[in-house]
Amino acid sequence: MAKEQLVVGSKVKDLIKESDLRTDGDLLEALSDKVEEMLKSAMGRCKENGRSTVRPCDL
């Protein structure tokens, strides 16, 4: 079963296209993996600080 993608592919592609660049086929999966890493780290920081709400400062 494929992992759930955490980014909106069309939005990422549009942003890259605005700079006259192309998107590699593996970019969206790699970006989604990075986002997942960042969120897991932020959730850990949130728990360590005794909170139940993940905040921007946790990133």
PDB file of N, CA and C in Angstrom:
ATOM      1  N   MET A   1       0.846  -1.189   0.000  1.00  0.00           N
ATOM      2  CA  MET A   1       0.000   0.000   0.000  1.00  0.00           C
ATOM      3  C   MET A   1       0.886   1.245   0.000  1.00  0.00           C
ATOM      4  N   ALA A   2       0.566   2.202  -0.851  1.00  0.00           N
ATOM      5  CA  ALA A   2       1.356   3.428  -0.966  1.00  0.00           C
ATOM      6  C   ALA A   2       1.109   4.343   0.223  1.00  0.00           C
ATOM      7  N   LYS A   3       2.160   5.083   0.576  1.00  0.00           N
ATOM      8  CA  LYS A   3       2.019   6.051   1.662  1.00  0.00           C
ATOM      9  C   LYS A   3       1.139   7.205   1.202  1.00  0.00           C
ATOM     10  N   GLU A   4       0.443   7.785   2.149  1.00  0.00           N
ATOM     11  CA  GLU A   4      -0.405   8.931   1.836  1.00  0.00           C
ATOM     12  C   GLU A   4       0.466  10.146   1.566  1.00  0.00           C
ATOM     13  N   GLN A   5       0.153  10.860   0.505  1.00  0.00           N
ATOM     14  CA  GLN A   5       0.909  12.063   0.158  1.00  0.00           C
ATOM     15  C   GLN A   5       0.417  13.231   0.994  1.00  0.00           C
ATOM     16  N   LEU A   6       1.353  13.973   1.590  1.00  0.00           N
ATOM     17  CA  LEU A   6       1.002  15.067   2.497  1.00  0.00           C
ATOM     18  C   LEU A   6       1.068  16.444   1.846  1.00  0.00           C
ATOM     19  N   VAL A   7       1.395  16.487   0.566  1.00  0.00           N
ATOM     20  CA  VAL A   7       1.479  17.766  -0.132  1.00  0.00           C
ATOM     21  C   VAL A   7       0.533  17.740  -1.334  1.00  0.00           C
ATOM     22  N   VAL A   8       0.099  18.897  -1.759  1.00  0.00           N
ATOM     23  CA  VAL A   8      -0.777  18.999  -2.923  1.00  0.00           C
ATOM     24  C   VAL A   8       0.112  19.092  -4.162  1.00  0.00           C
ATOM     25  N   GLY A   9       0.172  17.991  -4.894  1.00  0.00           N
ATOM     26  CA  GLY A   9       1.066  17.892  -6.042  1.00  0.00           C
ATOM     27  C   GLY A   9       0.895  19.000  -7.052  1.00  0.00           C
ATOM     28  N   SER A  10      -0.333  19.329  -7.394  1.00  0.00           N
ATOM     29  CA  SER A  10      -0.564  20.351  -8.419  1.00  0.00           C
ATOM     30  C   SER A  10      -0.047  21.718  -7.973  1.00  0.00           C
ATOM     31  N   LYS A  11      -0.180  22.019  -6.695  1.00  0.00           N
ATOM     32  CA  LYS A  11       0.301  23.310  -6.173  1.00  0.00           C
ATOM     33  C   LYS A  11       1.819  23.374  -6.201  1.00  0.00           C
ATOM     34  N   VAL A  12       2.474  22.263  -5.830  1.00  0.00           N
ATOM     35  CA  VAL A  12       3.938  22.211  -5.860  1.00  0.00           C
ATOM     36  C   VAL A  12       4.423  22.366  -7.287  1.00  0.00           C
ATOM     37  N   LYS A  13       3.811  21.632  -8.200  1.00  0.00           N
ATOM     38  CA  LYS A  13       4.207  21.695  -9.610  1.00  0.00           C
ATOM     39  C   LYS A  13       3.994  23.095 -10.180  1.00  0.00           C
ATOM     40  N   ASP A  14       2.874  23.729  -9.827  1.00  0.00           N
ATOM     41  CA  ASP A  14       2.599  25.093 -10.303  1.00  0.00           C
ATOM     42  C   ASP A  14       3.658  26.070  -9.816  1.00  0.00           C
ATOM     43  N   LEU A  15       4.038  25.960  -8.551  1.00  0.00           N
ATOM     44  CA  LEU A  15       5.047  26.856  -7.987  1.00  0.00           C
ATOM     45  C   LEU A  15       6.384  26.697  -8.722  1.00  0.00           C
ATOM     46  N   ILE A  16       6.770  25.462  -8.970  1.00  0.00           N
ATOM     47  CA  ILE A  16       8.027  25.199  -9.658  1.00  0.00           C
ATOM     48  C   ILE A  16       7.952  25.684 -11.105  1.00  0.00           C
ATOM     49  N   LYS A  17       6.807  25.454 -11.735  1.00  0.00           N
ATOM     50  CA  LYS A  17       6.619  25.865 -13.132  1.00  0.00           C
ATOM     51  C   LYS A  17       6.699  27.388 -13.294  1.00  0.00           C
ATOM     52  N   GLU A  18       6.275  28.131 -12.262  1.00  0.00           N
ATOM     53  CA  GLU A  18       6.347  29.594 -12.298  1.00  0.00           C
ATOM     54  C   GLU A  18       7.781  30.079 -12.479  1.00  0.00           C
ATOM     55  N   SER A  19       8.749  29.276 -12.092  1.00  0.00           N
ATOM     56  CA  SER A  19      10.162  29.632 -12.242  1.00  0.00           C
ATOM     57  C   SER A  19      10.758  28.996 -13.494  1.00  0.00           C
ATOM     58  N   ASP A  20       9.891  28.579 -14.406  1.00  0.00           N
ATOM     59  CA  ASP A  20      10.306  27.949 -15.662  1.00  0.00           C
ATOM     60  C   ASP A  20      11.161  26.709 -15.442  1.00  0.00           C
ATOM     61  N   LEU A  21      10.803  25.931 -14.420  1.00  0.00           N
ATOM     62  CA  LEU A  21      11.497  24.688 -14.112  1.00  0.00           C
ATOM     63  C   LEU A  21      10.501  23.538 -14.201  1.00  0.00           C
ATOM     64  N   ARG A  22      11.040  22.326 -14.236  1.00  0.00           N
ATOM     65  CA  ARG A  22      10.200  21.137 -14.304  1.00  0.00           C
ATOM     66  C   ARG A  22      10.317  20.346 -13.007  1.00  0.00           C
ATOM     67  N   THR A  23       9.322  19.490 -12.783  1.00  0.00           N
ATOM     68  CA  THR A  23       9.264  18.681 -11.570  1.00  0.00           C
ATOM     69  C   THR A  23       9.641  17.239 -11.899  1.00  0.00           C
ATOM     70  N   ASP A  24      10.637  16.704 -11.214  1.00  0.00           N
ATOM     71  CA  ASP A  24      11.022  15.313 -11.377  1.00  0.00           C
ATOM     72  C   ASP A  24       9.913  14.412 -10.823  1.00  0.00           C
ATOM     73  N   GLY A  25       9.768  13.246 -11.381  1.00  0.00           N
ATOM     74  CA  GLY A  25       8.712  12.332 -10.975  1.00  0.00           C
ATOM     75  C   GLY A  25       8.769  11.904  -9.521  1.00  0.00           C
ATOM     76  N   ASP A  26       9.951  11.909  -8.915  1.00  0.00           N
ATOM     77  CA  ASP A  26      10.108  11.475  -7.535  1.00  0.00           C
ATOM     78  C   ASP A  26      10.066  12.625  -6.529  1.00  0.00           C
ATOM     79  N   LEU A  27       9.971  13.858  -7.013  1.00  0.00           N
ATOM     80  CA  LEU A  27      10.035  15.009  -6.113  1.00  0.00           C
ATOM     81  C   LEU A  27       8.896  15.039  -5.104  1.00  0.00           C
ATOM     82  N   LEU A  28       7.680  14.805  -5.549  1.00  0.00           N
ATOM     83  CA  LEU A  28       6.531  14.926  -4.652  1.00  0.00           C
ATOM     84  C   LEU A  28       6.594  13.919  -3.513  1.00  0.00           C
ATOM     85  N   GLU A  29       7.027  12.705  -3.799  1.00  0.00           N
ATOM     86  CA  GLU A  29       7.167  11.695  -2.744  1.00  0.00           C
ATOM     87  C   GLU A  29       8.255  12.111  -1.753  1.00  0.00           C
ATOM     88  N   ALA A  30       9.380  12.609  -2.267  1.00  0.00           N
ATOM     89  CA  ALA A  30      10.481  13.045  -1.403  1.00  0.00           C
ATOM     90  C   ALA A  30      10.054  14.233  -0.548  1.00  0.00           C
ATOM     91  N   LEU A  31       9.324  15.160  -1.143  1.00  0.00           N
ATOM     92  CA  LEU A  31       8.841  16.326  -0.399  1.00  0.00           C
ATOM     93  C   LEU A  31       7.853  15.902   0.684  1.00  0.00           C
ATOM     94  N   SER A  32       6.966  14.990   0.350  1.00  0.00           N
ATOM     95  CA  SER A  32       6.004  14.494   1.319  1.00  0.00           C
ATOM     96  C   SER A  32       6.722  13.801   2.482  1.00  0.00           C
ATOM     97  N   ASP A  33       7.777  13.045   2.178  1.00  0.00           N
ATOM     98  CA  ASP A  33       8.561  12.384   3.222  1.00  0.00           C
ATOM     99  C   ASP A  33       9.216  13.413   4.144  1.00  0.00           C
ATOM    100  N   LYS A  34       9.735  14.501   3.561  1.00  0.00           N
ATOM    101  CA  LYS A  34      10.355  15.567   4.365  1.00  0.00           C
ATOM    102  C   LYS A  34       9.322  16.227   5.273  1.00  0.00           C
ATOM    103  N   VAL A  35       8.145  16.492   4.731  1.00  0.00           N
ATOM    104  CA  VAL A  35       7.071  17.103   5.520  1.00  0.00           C
ATOM    105  C   VAL A  35       6.705  16.186   6.681  1.00  0.00           C
ATOM    106  N   GLU A  36       6.616  14.892   6.413  1.00  0.00           N
ATOM    107  CA  GLU A  36       6.297  13.939   7.477  1.00  0.00           C
ATOM    108  C   GLU A  36       7.373  13.961   8.566  1.00  0.00           C
ATOM    109  N   GLU A  37       8.636  13.991   8.174  1.00  0.00           N
ATOM    110  CA  GLU A  37       9.745  14.079   9.138  1.00  0.00           C
ATOM    111  C   GLU A  37       9.611  15.327  10.004  1.00  0.00           C
ATOM    112  N   MET A  38       9.354  16.456   9.348  1.00  0.00           N
ATOM    113  CA  MET A  38       9.230  17.722  10.077  1.00  0.00           C
ATOM    114  C   MET A  38       8.069  17.679  11.065  1.00  0.00           C
ATOM    115  N   LEU A  39       6.947  17.125  10.630  1.00  0.00           N
ATOM    116  CA  LEU A  39       5.777  17.072  11.502  1.00  0.00           C
ATOM    117  C   LEU A  39       5.989  16.134  12.683  1.00  0.00           C
ATOM    118  N   LYS A  40       6.612  14.993  12.438  1.00  0.00           N
ATOM    119  CA  LYS A  40       6.874  14.065  13.541  1.00  0.00           C
ATOM    120  C   LYS A  40       7.803  14.695  14.573  1.00  0.00           C
ATOM    121  N   SER A  41       8.799  15.415  14.096  1.00  0.00           N
ATOM    122  CA  SER A  41       9.706  16.109  14.998  1.00  0.00           C
ATOM    123  C   SER A  41       8.955  17.179  15.796  1.00  0.00           C
ATOM    124  N   ALA A  42       8.105  17.923  15.116  1.00  0.00           N
ATOM    125  CA  ALA A  42       7.319  18.969  15.776  1.00  0.00           C
ATOM    126  C   ALA A  42       6.364  18.372  16.810  1.00  0.00           C
ATOM    127  N   MET A  43       5.776  17.226  16.492  1.00  0.00           N
ATOM    128  CA  MET A  43       4.864  16.583  17.440  1.00  0.00           C
ATOM    129  C   MET A  43       5.623  16.123  18.677  1.00  0.00           C
ATOM    130  N   GLY A  44       6.824  15.610  18.476  1.00  0.00           N
ATOM    131  CA  GLY A  44       7.648  15.200  19.619  1.00  0.00           C
ATOM    132  C   GLY A  44       7.999  16.375  20.500  1.00  0.00           C
ATOM    133  N   ARG A  45       8.373  17.498  19.885  1.00  0.00           N
ATOM    134  CA  ARG A  45       8.708  18.706  20.647  1.00  0.00           C
ATOM    135  C   ARG A  45       7.498  19.197  21.431  1.00  0.00           C
ATOM    136  N   CYS A  46       6.350  19.146  20.784  1.00  0.00           N
ATOM    137  CA  CYS A  46       5.104  19.570  21.427  1.00  0.00           C
ATOM    138  C   CYS A  46       4.840  18.730  22.675  1.00  0.00           C
ATOM    139  N   LYS A  47       4.946  17.414  22.554  1.00  0.00           N
ATOM    140  CA  LYS A  47       4.717  16.518  23.692  1.00  0.00           C
ATOM    141  C   LYS A  47       5.743  16.746  24.791  1.00  0.00           C
ATOM    142  N   GLU A  48       7.004  16.952  24.403  1.00  0.00           N
ATOM    143  CA  GLU A  48       8.058  17.205  25.388  1.00  0.00           C
ATOM    144  C   GLU A  48       7.782  18.456  26.205  1.00  0.00           C
ATOM    145  N   ASN A  49       7.079  19.408  25.589  1.00  0.00           N
ATOM    146  CA  ASN A  49       6.752  20.653  26.276  1.00  0.00           C
ATOM    147  C   ASN A  49       5.397  20.592  26.972  1.00  0.00           C
ATOM    148  N   GLY A  50       4.811  19.399  27.048  1.00  0.00           N
ATOM    149  CA  GLY A  50       3.562  19.215  27.779  1.00  0.00           C
ATOM    150  C   GLY A  50       2.354  19.854  27.137  1.00  0.00           C
ATOM    151  N   ARG A  51       2.399  20.035  25.836  1.00  0.00           N
ATOM    152  CA  ARG A  51       1.263  20.642  25.134  1.00  0.00           C
ATOM    153  C   ARG A  51       0.568  19.596  24.271  1.00  0.00           C
ATOM    154  N   SER A  52      -0.656  19.897  23.861  1.00  0.00           N
ATOM    155  CA  SER A  52      -1.393  19.020  22.956  1.00  0.00           C
ATOM    156  C   SER A  52      -1.667  19.709  21.632  1.00  0.00           C
ATOM    157  N   THR A  53      -1.134  20.905  21.459  1.00  0.00           N
ATOM    158  CA  THR A  53      -1.299  21.650  20.225  1.00  0.00           C
ATOM    159  C   THR A  53       0.055  21.896  19.587  1.00  0.00           C
ATOM    160  N   VAL A  54       0.223  21.436  18.348  1.00  0.00           N
ATOM    161  CA  VAL A  54       1.474  21.662  17.622  1.00  0.00           C
ATOM    162  C   VAL A  54       1.437  23.095  17.092  1.00  0.00           C
ATOM    163  N   ARG A  55       2.489  23.845  17.385  1.00  0.00           N
ATOM    164  CA  ARG A  55       2.571  25.249  17.002  1.00  0.00           C
ATOM    165  C   ARG A  55       3.695  25.469  15.995  1.00  0.00           C
ATOM    166  N   PRO A  56       3.684  26.589  15.286  1.00  0.00           N
ATOM    167  CA  PRO A  56       4.761  26.876  14.345  1.00  0.00           C
ATOM    168  C   PRO A  56       6.143  26.822  14.978  1.00  0.00           C
ATOM    169  N   CYS A  57       6.238  27.224  16.235  1.00  0.00           N
ATOM    170  CA  CYS A  57       7.545  27.217  16.904  1.00  0.00           C
ATOM    171  C   CYS A  57       8.087  25.799  17.088  1.00  0.00           C
ATOM    172  N   ASP A  58       7.233  24.784  16.973  1.00  0.00           N
ATOM    173  CA  ASP A  58       7.678  23.407  17.098  1.00  0.00           C
ATOM    174  C   ASP A  58       8.433  22.933  15.863  1.00  0.00           C
ATOM    175  N   LEU A  59       8.240  23.652  14.772  1.00  0.00           N
ATOM    176  CA  LEU A  59       8.947  23.290  13.541  1.00  0.00           C
ATOM    177  C   LEU A  59      10.399  23.678  13.654  1.00  0.00           C
TER     178      LEU A  59
END
